[in-house]
N, C-alpha and C. Protein backbone atom coordinates (compact mmCIF):
# COMPACT_ATOMS: atom_id res chain seq x y z
N MET A 1 62.82 -29.84 -37.12
CA MET A 1 61.32 -29.81 -36.93
C MET A 1 60.72 -31.08 -37.10
N VAL A 2 59.66 -31.43 -36.40
CA VAL A 2 58.94 -32.62 -36.45
C VAL A 2 57.92 -32.54 -37.62
N ASP A 3 58.04 -33.49 -38.55
CA ASP A 3 57.35 -33.52 -39.63
C ASP A 3 55.96 -34.41 -39.33
N MET A 4 54.88 -33.64 -39.12
CA MET A 4 53.61 -34.19 -38.76
C MET A 4 52.52 -33.36 -39.15
N THR A 5 51.42 -34.01 -39.31
CA THR A 5 50.20 -33.02 -39.65
C THR A 5 49.62 -32.55 -38.35
N ARG A 6 48.80 -31.61 -38.45
CA ARG A 6 48.34 -31.03 -37.06
C ARG A 6 47.36 -31.85 -36.46
N SER A 7 46.62 -32.71 -37.25
CA SER A 7 45.48 -33.38 -36.87
C SER A 7 45.57 -34.91 -36.89
N ASP A 8 46.82 -35.45 -36.64
CA ASP A 8 46.78 -36.95 -36.71
C ASP A 8 45.81 -37.62 -35.75
N ALA A 9 45.12 -38.62 -36.50
CA ALA A 9 44.09 -39.38 -35.71
C ALA A 9 44.86 -40.30 -34.54
N ALA A 10 43.94 -40.46 -33.53
CA ALA A 10 44.35 -41.37 -32.52
C ALA A 10 44.48 -42.65 -33.07
N VAL A 11 45.41 -43.66 -32.58
CA VAL A 11 45.72 -44.80 -32.92
C VAL A 11 45.43 -45.83 -31.92
N VAL A 12 44.87 -46.94 -32.05
CA VAL A 12 44.67 -48.07 -31.18
C VAL A 12 45.70 -49.01 -31.45
N ASP A 13 46.40 -49.52 -30.37
CA ASP A 13 47.26 -50.57 -30.33
C ASP A 13 46.74 -51.74 -29.56
N GLU A 14 45.98 -52.66 -30.36
CA GLU A 14 45.24 -53.78 -29.81
C GLU A 14 46.15 -54.76 -28.82
N GLU A 15 47.41 -54.84 -29.20
CA GLU A 15 48.34 -55.74 -28.53
C GLU A 15 48.61 -55.21 -27.27
N ALA A 16 48.91 -53.82 -27.17
CA ALA A 16 49.34 -53.26 -25.96
C ALA A 16 47.98 -52.82 -25.19
N PHE A 17 46.84 -52.84 -25.81
CA PHE A 17 45.73 -52.31 -25.12
C PHE A 17 45.80 -50.77 -24.76
N SER A 18 46.25 -50.04 -25.76
CA SER A 18 46.43 -48.62 -25.52
C SER A 18 46.05 -47.85 -26.75
N VAL A 19 45.71 -46.44 -26.43
CA VAL A 19 45.43 -45.48 -27.46
C VAL A 19 46.50 -44.49 -27.44
N ARG A 20 47.02 -43.95 -28.58
CA ARG A 20 47.93 -42.90 -28.56
C ARG A 20 47.59 -41.77 -29.68
N ARG A 21 47.75 -40.52 -29.29
CA ARG A 21 47.58 -39.45 -30.33
C ARG A 21 48.61 -38.56 -30.00
N THR A 22 49.42 -37.95 -31.13
CA THR A 22 50.44 -37.01 -31.23
C THR A 22 49.93 -35.88 -31.99
N ILE A 23 49.90 -34.62 -31.42
CA ILE A 23 49.52 -33.48 -32.19
C ILE A 23 50.57 -32.36 -32.06
N ARG A 24 50.51 -31.52 -32.93
CA ARG A 24 51.40 -30.27 -32.75
C ARG A 24 50.19 -29.05 -32.50
N ILE A 25 50.79 -28.30 -31.54
CA ILE A 25 50.07 -27.21 -31.07
C ILE A 25 50.78 -25.83 -31.44
N ASP A 26 50.30 -24.86 -31.89
CA ASP A 26 51.02 -23.56 -32.11
C ASP A 26 50.96 -22.74 -30.83
N ALA A 27 51.52 -23.22 -29.89
CA ALA A 27 51.50 -22.40 -28.49
C ALA A 27 52.90 -22.89 -27.79
N PRO A 28 53.35 -22.01 -26.98
CA PRO A 28 54.46 -22.53 -26.13
C PRO A 28 54.20 -23.46 -25.08
N ILE A 29 55.08 -24.29 -24.76
CA ILE A 29 55.06 -25.45 -23.88
C ILE A 29 54.31 -25.07 -22.53
N GLY A 30 54.81 -23.86 -22.03
CA GLY A 30 54.31 -23.51 -20.61
C GLY A 30 52.65 -23.34 -20.88
N LYS A 31 52.11 -22.79 -21.90
CA LYS A 31 50.57 -22.63 -22.15
C LYS A 31 50.07 -24.10 -22.33
N VAL A 32 50.59 -24.90 -23.07
CA VAL A 32 50.04 -26.19 -23.09
C VAL A 32 50.20 -26.89 -21.82
N TRP A 33 51.25 -26.96 -21.03
CA TRP A 33 51.39 -27.62 -19.73
C TRP A 33 50.18 -27.10 -18.80
N GLN A 34 49.82 -25.88 -18.71
CA GLN A 34 48.84 -25.40 -17.87
C GLN A 34 47.38 -26.08 -18.38
N ALA A 35 47.30 -26.24 -19.58
CA ALA A 35 46.03 -26.82 -20.05
C ALA A 35 45.95 -28.40 -19.84
N VAL A 36 46.90 -29.01 -19.73
CA VAL A 36 46.77 -30.53 -19.23
C VAL A 36 47.10 -30.75 -17.90
N ALA A 37 47.66 -29.67 -17.12
CA ALA A 37 47.99 -30.05 -15.71
C ALA A 37 47.42 -29.28 -14.66
N GLU A 38 46.69 -28.13 -15.06
CA GLU A 38 46.08 -27.28 -13.96
C GLU A 38 44.68 -27.44 -14.04
N PRO A 39 43.91 -27.88 -12.96
CA PRO A 39 42.52 -28.30 -13.05
C PRO A 39 41.54 -27.23 -13.61
N GLU A 40 41.82 -25.93 -13.31
CA GLU A 40 41.01 -24.85 -13.78
C GLU A 40 41.14 -24.79 -15.24
N HIS A 41 42.21 -25.15 -15.97
CA HIS A 41 42.54 -25.09 -17.31
C HIS A 41 42.03 -26.37 -18.06
N VAL A 42 42.34 -27.55 -17.37
CA VAL A 42 41.84 -28.81 -17.85
C VAL A 42 40.38 -28.68 -17.97
N SER A 43 39.67 -28.08 -16.99
CA SER A 43 38.15 -28.09 -17.10
C SER A 43 37.64 -27.25 -18.32
N ARG A 44 38.52 -26.29 -18.82
CA ARG A 44 37.96 -25.61 -19.97
C ARG A 44 37.77 -26.35 -21.29
N TRP A 45 38.65 -27.65 -21.41
CA TRP A 45 38.45 -28.30 -22.76
C TRP A 45 38.11 -29.77 -22.49
N PHE A 46 38.18 -30.22 -21.24
CA PHE A 46 38.01 -31.77 -20.95
C PHE A 46 36.82 -31.91 -20.18
N GLY A 47 36.83 -32.59 -19.06
CA GLY A 47 35.95 -32.70 -18.12
C GLY A 47 36.15 -31.65 -16.96
N ARG A 48 35.11 -31.22 -16.14
CA ARG A 48 35.29 -30.30 -14.92
C ARG A 48 36.17 -31.18 -14.09
N THR A 49 37.39 -30.71 -13.86
CA THR A 49 38.36 -31.35 -13.11
C THR A 49 38.55 -30.62 -11.78
N GLU A 50 38.64 -31.38 -10.57
CA GLU A 50 38.81 -30.98 -9.32
C GLU A 50 39.95 -31.86 -8.73
N LEU A 51 40.94 -31.26 -8.04
CA LEU A 51 42.06 -32.14 -7.49
C LEU A 51 42.36 -31.48 -6.09
N ALA A 52 42.49 -32.29 -5.15
CA ALA A 52 42.95 -31.78 -3.89
C ALA A 52 44.46 -31.91 -3.78
N GLY A 53 45.08 -30.76 -3.70
CA GLY A 53 46.49 -30.93 -3.79
C GLY A 53 46.94 -30.71 -5.15
N SER A 54 48.31 -31.03 -5.30
CA SER A 54 48.98 -30.97 -6.66
C SER A 54 50.22 -31.88 -6.65
N GLY A 55 50.55 -32.32 -7.80
CA GLY A 55 51.77 -33.18 -7.90
C GLY A 55 51.29 -34.57 -7.80
N VAL A 56 52.25 -35.41 -7.55
CA VAL A 56 52.06 -36.87 -7.50
C VAL A 56 51.08 -37.13 -6.34
N GLY A 57 50.05 -37.92 -6.45
CA GLY A 57 49.24 -38.27 -5.29
C GLY A 57 47.98 -37.39 -5.12
N ALA A 58 47.93 -36.32 -5.75
CA ALA A 58 46.68 -35.51 -5.81
C ALA A 58 45.55 -36.28 -6.21
N THR A 59 44.39 -36.24 -5.59
CA THR A 59 43.22 -36.92 -5.93
C THR A 59 42.07 -35.92 -6.19
N GLY A 60 41.07 -36.56 -6.94
CA GLY A 60 39.91 -35.71 -7.09
C GLY A 60 39.05 -36.28 -8.11
N THR A 61 38.28 -35.59 -8.82
CA THR A 61 37.35 -36.14 -9.78
C THR A 61 37.38 -35.47 -11.18
N MET A 62 36.98 -36.01 -12.19
CA MET A 62 36.48 -35.39 -13.47
C MET A 62 35.10 -35.67 -13.69
N THR A 63 34.33 -34.64 -14.22
CA THR A 63 32.91 -34.83 -14.45
C THR A 63 32.60 -34.22 -15.83
N PHE A 64 31.97 -35.11 -16.50
CA PHE A 64 31.49 -34.71 -17.93
C PHE A 64 29.96 -34.61 -17.88
N PRO A 65 29.37 -33.68 -18.74
CA PRO A 65 28.02 -33.51 -18.75
C PRO A 65 27.21 -34.92 -19.07
N ASP A 66 26.17 -35.25 -18.45
CA ASP A 66 25.37 -36.38 -18.65
C ASP A 66 26.21 -37.70 -18.50
N TYR A 67 27.13 -37.69 -17.56
CA TYR A 67 27.93 -38.87 -17.30
C TYR A 67 28.30 -38.78 -15.81
N ASP A 68 28.71 -39.89 -15.19
CA ASP A 68 29.06 -39.97 -13.78
C ASP A 68 30.20 -39.21 -13.44
N VAL A 69 30.51 -39.09 -12.16
CA VAL A 69 31.63 -38.33 -11.65
C VAL A 69 32.73 -39.46 -11.86
N ILE A 70 33.95 -39.17 -12.41
CA ILE A 70 35.10 -40.03 -12.50
C ILE A 70 36.19 -39.99 -11.50
N PRO A 71 36.57 -40.83 -10.78
CA PRO A 71 37.73 -40.60 -9.74
C PRO A 71 38.98 -40.53 -10.43
N LEU A 72 39.79 -39.61 -10.04
CA LEU A 72 41.11 -39.19 -10.71
C LEU A 72 42.25 -39.07 -9.74
N ARG A 73 43.47 -39.50 -10.06
CA ARG A 73 44.59 -39.39 -9.36
C ARG A 73 45.86 -38.92 -10.15
N VAL A 74 46.66 -38.20 -9.73
CA VAL A 74 47.92 -37.94 -10.49
C VAL A 74 48.97 -38.90 -10.11
N GLU A 75 49.52 -39.58 -11.02
CA GLU A 75 50.48 -40.72 -10.82
C GLU A 75 51.90 -40.11 -11.08
N GLU A 76 52.11 -39.33 -12.04
CA GLU A 76 53.34 -38.77 -12.36
C GLU A 76 53.31 -37.35 -12.59
N PHE A 77 54.34 -36.61 -12.18
CA PHE A 77 54.30 -35.03 -12.39
C PHE A 77 55.75 -34.64 -12.64
N ASP A 78 56.00 -34.23 -13.92
CA ASP A 78 57.36 -33.81 -14.26
C ASP A 78 57.12 -32.52 -15.20
N ALA A 79 56.84 -31.33 -14.37
CA ALA A 79 56.59 -30.09 -14.99
C ALA A 79 57.80 -29.57 -15.88
N PRO A 80 57.63 -29.03 -17.08
CA PRO A 80 56.42 -28.91 -17.76
C PRO A 80 56.36 -30.11 -18.98
N ARG A 81 56.96 -31.21 -18.63
CA ARG A 81 57.22 -32.26 -19.73
C ARG A 81 56.25 -33.43 -19.49
N ARG A 82 55.72 -33.85 -18.41
CA ARG A 82 55.01 -35.16 -18.29
C ARG A 82 53.96 -35.13 -17.08
N ILE A 83 52.83 -35.57 -17.38
CA ILE A 83 51.80 -35.75 -16.34
C ILE A 83 51.10 -37.04 -16.70
N THR A 84 50.97 -37.84 -15.61
CA THR A 84 50.05 -38.92 -15.76
C THR A 84 48.97 -39.05 -14.84
N TYR A 85 47.77 -39.16 -15.25
CA TYR A 85 46.51 -39.42 -14.48
C TYR A 85 46.06 -40.92 -14.42
N ARG A 86 45.51 -41.38 -13.44
CA ARG A 86 44.89 -42.55 -13.24
C ARG A 86 43.39 -42.29 -13.10
N TRP A 87 42.48 -42.94 -13.84
CA TRP A 87 41.08 -42.86 -13.68
C TRP A 87 40.35 -44.15 -13.85
N ASN A 88 39.16 -44.14 -13.19
CA ASN A 88 38.13 -45.14 -13.56
C ASN A 88 37.08 -44.68 -14.53
N ASN A 89 37.34 -44.96 -15.79
CA ASN A 89 36.49 -44.56 -16.81
C ASN A 89 36.07 -45.62 -17.78
N ASP A 90 35.51 -46.69 -17.25
CA ASP A 90 35.10 -47.84 -18.11
C ASP A 90 33.67 -47.51 -18.66
N ASP A 91 33.83 -47.24 -19.89
CA ASP A 91 32.43 -47.14 -20.73
C ASP A 91 31.34 -48.09 -20.47
N ALA A 92 31.76 -49.30 -20.30
CA ALA A 92 30.83 -50.32 -20.36
C ALA A 92 30.10 -50.71 -19.00
N LEU A 93 30.65 -50.16 -17.91
CA LEU A 93 30.02 -50.25 -16.61
C LEU A 93 28.91 -49.39 -16.51
N GLY A 94 27.74 -49.79 -15.84
CA GLY A 94 26.49 -48.98 -15.50
C GLY A 94 26.87 -47.83 -14.64
N SER A 95 27.71 -47.98 -13.65
CA SER A 95 28.08 -46.90 -12.82
C SER A 95 29.54 -47.05 -12.46
N LEU A 96 30.06 -46.01 -12.10
CA LEU A 96 31.36 -45.85 -11.82
C LEU A 96 31.87 -46.00 -10.47
N PRO A 97 32.86 -46.64 -9.83
CA PRO A 97 33.15 -46.64 -8.38
C PRO A 97 33.46 -45.15 -7.92
N GLU A 98 33.43 -45.00 -6.68
CA GLU A 98 33.56 -43.80 -6.09
C GLU A 98 35.06 -43.36 -5.97
N ARG A 99 35.92 -44.38 -5.90
CA ARG A 99 37.26 -44.17 -5.83
C ARG A 99 37.99 -45.01 -6.75
N ILE A 100 39.23 -44.76 -7.08
CA ILE A 100 40.07 -45.58 -7.92
C ILE A 100 40.06 -46.92 -7.73
N ASP A 101 39.82 -47.81 -8.60
CA ASP A 101 39.90 -49.28 -8.52
C ASP A 101 41.14 -49.60 -9.35
N GLU A 102 42.29 -49.93 -8.51
CA GLU A 102 43.53 -50.18 -9.12
C GLU A 102 43.30 -51.50 -10.05
N ALA A 103 42.40 -52.34 -9.95
CA ALA A 103 42.35 -53.44 -10.84
C ALA A 103 41.74 -53.20 -12.19
N THR A 104 40.93 -52.10 -12.26
CA THR A 104 40.17 -51.71 -13.45
C THR A 104 40.48 -50.47 -14.11
N SER A 105 41.35 -49.61 -13.51
CA SER A 105 41.51 -48.35 -13.97
C SER A 105 42.39 -48.36 -15.03
N THR A 106 42.45 -47.27 -15.90
CA THR A 106 43.39 -46.95 -16.88
C THR A 106 44.24 -45.69 -16.46
N VAL A 107 45.50 -45.57 -17.22
CA VAL A 107 46.20 -44.40 -16.96
C VAL A 107 46.37 -43.70 -18.33
N PHE A 108 46.36 -42.33 -18.28
CA PHE A 108 46.82 -41.66 -19.47
C PHE A 108 47.81 -40.59 -19.17
N THR A 109 48.73 -40.50 -20.11
CA THR A 109 49.92 -39.75 -19.86
C THR A 109 50.14 -38.71 -20.99
N PHE A 110 50.18 -37.38 -20.54
CA PHE A 110 50.45 -36.28 -21.54
C PHE A 110 52.04 -36.07 -21.49
N THR A 111 52.75 -36.24 -22.76
CA THR A 111 54.16 -35.82 -22.88
C THR A 111 54.11 -34.66 -23.74
N LEU A 112 54.94 -33.69 -23.29
CA LEU A 112 55.12 -32.47 -24.00
C LEU A 112 56.58 -32.24 -24.49
N ASP A 113 56.68 -31.82 -25.63
CA ASP A 113 58.07 -31.66 -26.30
C ASP A 113 58.12 -30.34 -27.02
N GLU A 114 59.06 -29.48 -26.81
CA GLU A 114 59.28 -28.10 -27.67
C GLU A 114 59.62 -28.48 -29.01
N VAL A 115 58.82 -27.96 -29.95
CA VAL A 115 59.16 -28.10 -31.44
C VAL A 115 59.29 -26.58 -31.97
N ASP A 116 59.88 -26.56 -33.14
CA ASP A 116 59.94 -25.19 -33.69
C ASP A 116 58.58 -24.44 -33.79
N GLY A 117 58.56 -23.46 -33.05
CA GLY A 117 57.28 -22.54 -33.14
C GLY A 117 56.05 -23.26 -32.27
N GLY A 118 56.19 -24.19 -31.40
CA GLY A 118 55.07 -24.67 -30.71
C GLY A 118 55.59 -25.93 -29.75
N THR A 119 54.60 -26.80 -29.57
CA THR A 119 54.55 -27.89 -28.82
C THR A 119 53.96 -29.14 -29.43
N GLN A 120 54.83 -30.18 -29.27
CA GLN A 120 54.20 -31.43 -29.55
C GLN A 120 53.76 -32.08 -28.43
N LEU A 121 52.41 -32.48 -28.52
CA LEU A 121 51.66 -33.23 -27.35
C LEU A 121 51.43 -34.58 -27.67
N THR A 122 51.82 -35.64 -26.86
CA THR A 122 51.46 -36.95 -27.10
C THR A 122 50.62 -37.39 -25.88
N VAL A 123 49.58 -38.05 -26.10
CA VAL A 123 48.71 -38.65 -25.05
C VAL A 123 48.75 -40.21 -25.33
N VAL A 124 49.11 -41.02 -24.30
CA VAL A 124 48.88 -42.33 -24.35
C VAL A 124 48.00 -42.96 -23.16
N GLU A 125 47.05 -43.53 -23.42
CA GLU A 125 46.13 -44.14 -22.38
C GLU A 125 46.35 -45.66 -22.65
N SER A 126 46.55 -46.35 -21.54
CA SER A 126 46.84 -47.72 -21.47
C SER A 126 46.06 -48.44 -20.31
N GLY A 127 45.93 -49.64 -20.33
CA GLY A 127 45.40 -50.48 -19.40
C GLY A 127 43.96 -50.95 -19.60
N PHE A 128 43.57 -50.93 -20.88
CA PHE A 128 42.21 -51.34 -21.40
C PHE A 128 42.12 -52.70 -21.19
N ASP A 129 43.26 -53.49 -21.10
CA ASP A 129 42.96 -55.02 -20.90
C ASP A 129 42.36 -55.21 -19.62
N ARG A 130 42.31 -54.32 -18.63
CA ARG A 130 41.75 -54.63 -17.36
C ARG A 130 40.33 -54.11 -17.31
N THR A 131 39.81 -53.53 -18.35
CA THR A 131 38.42 -53.05 -18.39
C THR A 131 37.52 -54.13 -18.62
N SER A 132 36.20 -53.80 -18.57
CA SER A 132 35.09 -54.71 -18.72
C SER A 132 35.00 -55.30 -20.16
N ASP A 133 35.21 -54.31 -21.06
CA ASP A 133 35.16 -54.74 -22.51
C ASP A 133 36.19 -53.93 -23.19
N PRO A 134 37.43 -54.59 -23.23
CA PRO A 134 38.56 -53.85 -23.76
C PRO A 134 38.54 -53.24 -25.17
N ARG A 135 38.01 -53.96 -26.10
CA ARG A 135 37.88 -53.53 -27.44
C ARG A 135 36.92 -52.35 -27.57
N ALA A 136 35.79 -52.48 -26.96
CA ALA A 136 34.77 -51.32 -27.03
C ALA A 136 35.29 -50.09 -26.34
N ASN A 137 36.06 -50.38 -25.18
CA ASN A 137 36.62 -49.05 -24.38
C ASN A 137 37.80 -48.50 -25.27
N LEU A 138 38.52 -49.38 -25.98
CA LEU A 138 39.60 -48.71 -26.79
C LEU A 138 39.17 -47.70 -27.87
N GLU A 139 38.04 -48.32 -28.48
CA GLU A 139 37.44 -47.58 -29.54
C GLU A 139 36.78 -46.30 -29.17
N SER A 140 36.10 -46.52 -28.01
CA SER A 140 35.33 -45.17 -27.43
C SER A 140 36.51 -44.07 -27.06
N HIS A 141 37.53 -44.63 -26.46
CA HIS A 141 38.53 -43.67 -25.99
C HIS A 141 39.28 -43.14 -27.18
N ARG A 142 39.63 -43.81 -28.24
CA ARG A 142 40.08 -43.30 -29.41
C ARG A 142 39.41 -42.16 -30.09
N THR A 143 38.13 -42.34 -30.07
CA THR A 143 37.30 -41.40 -30.55
C THR A 143 37.25 -40.04 -29.62
N GLY A 144 37.27 -40.39 -28.35
CA GLY A 144 37.26 -39.30 -27.25
C GLY A 144 38.44 -38.50 -27.37
N TRP A 145 39.70 -39.07 -27.45
CA TRP A 145 40.86 -38.41 -27.48
C TRP A 145 40.96 -37.50 -28.75
N GLU A 146 40.48 -38.01 -29.84
CA GLU A 146 40.37 -37.10 -30.92
C GLU A 146 39.58 -35.80 -30.84
N LEU A 147 38.27 -36.05 -30.30
CA LEU A 147 37.38 -35.02 -29.85
C LEU A 147 37.96 -33.92 -28.79
N GLU A 148 38.41 -34.49 -27.83
CA GLU A 148 38.86 -33.67 -26.65
C GLU A 148 40.23 -32.94 -27.02
N LEU A 149 41.24 -33.65 -27.69
CA LEU A 149 42.45 -32.78 -28.03
C LEU A 149 42.06 -31.78 -29.02
N ASP A 150 41.25 -31.99 -29.93
CA ASP A 150 41.03 -30.97 -30.89
C ASP A 150 40.35 -29.69 -30.12
N LYS A 151 39.63 -29.93 -29.11
CA LYS A 151 39.24 -28.84 -28.12
C LYS A 151 40.34 -28.08 -27.40
N LEU A 152 41.29 -28.95 -27.01
CA LEU A 152 42.56 -28.34 -26.38
C LEU A 152 43.22 -27.32 -27.33
N VAL A 153 43.58 -27.93 -28.46
CA VAL A 153 44.26 -27.13 -29.53
C VAL A 153 43.56 -25.75 -29.78
N ALA A 154 42.23 -25.82 -30.10
CA ALA A 154 41.38 -24.69 -30.41
C ALA A 154 41.49 -23.70 -29.06
N LEU A 155 41.57 -24.25 -27.88
CA LEU A 155 41.64 -23.36 -26.60
C LEU A 155 42.99 -22.62 -26.54
N VAL A 156 44.04 -23.45 -26.62
CA VAL A 156 45.38 -22.93 -26.42
C VAL A 156 45.79 -22.03 -27.66
N GLU A 157 45.45 -22.42 -28.74
CA GLU A 157 45.69 -21.51 -29.85
C GLU A 157 44.75 -20.23 -30.02
N ASP A 158 43.76 -20.23 -29.07
CA ASP A 158 42.93 -19.13 -29.07
C ASP A 158 41.89 -19.05 -30.15
N ARG A 159 41.60 -20.27 -30.89
CA ARG A 159 40.46 -20.34 -31.82
C ARG A 159 39.33 -20.67 -31.23
N THR A 160 38.18 -20.37 -31.90
CA THR A 160 36.87 -20.89 -31.43
C THR A 160 36.25 -21.79 -32.53
């Protein structure tokens, strides 16, 4: 069994310009996979997610209240173990581009592993060195992953 607390904080790696958080969820891997890979489920805990198609290459948007529409694309899809999204979510920009900007976008990957009685979920977001203010964006997204993944845990464990 993996020895970890349920609510490990997100960690910033300033050398790799990435944010990582690993959590344990008391739910089967299939249920956690739905929550991170199916737009209707992602929309329940993260931003309103809409994708045209499924799997690698699916494109769409993620929308948060009081924030711009964020372009989104699936980069990797290995059900039910790993999914990677690319998005333009640069907090320091006044407005976001309507489509993915390869030069400034970041990627975030959810990796799921079965553990005794549940699922270990790790998210890693990288590419902050290409954003307008790498250090500010790292800190903002570190905080964001803590808030959002806590909502995911409550949802899939059926807690309010």
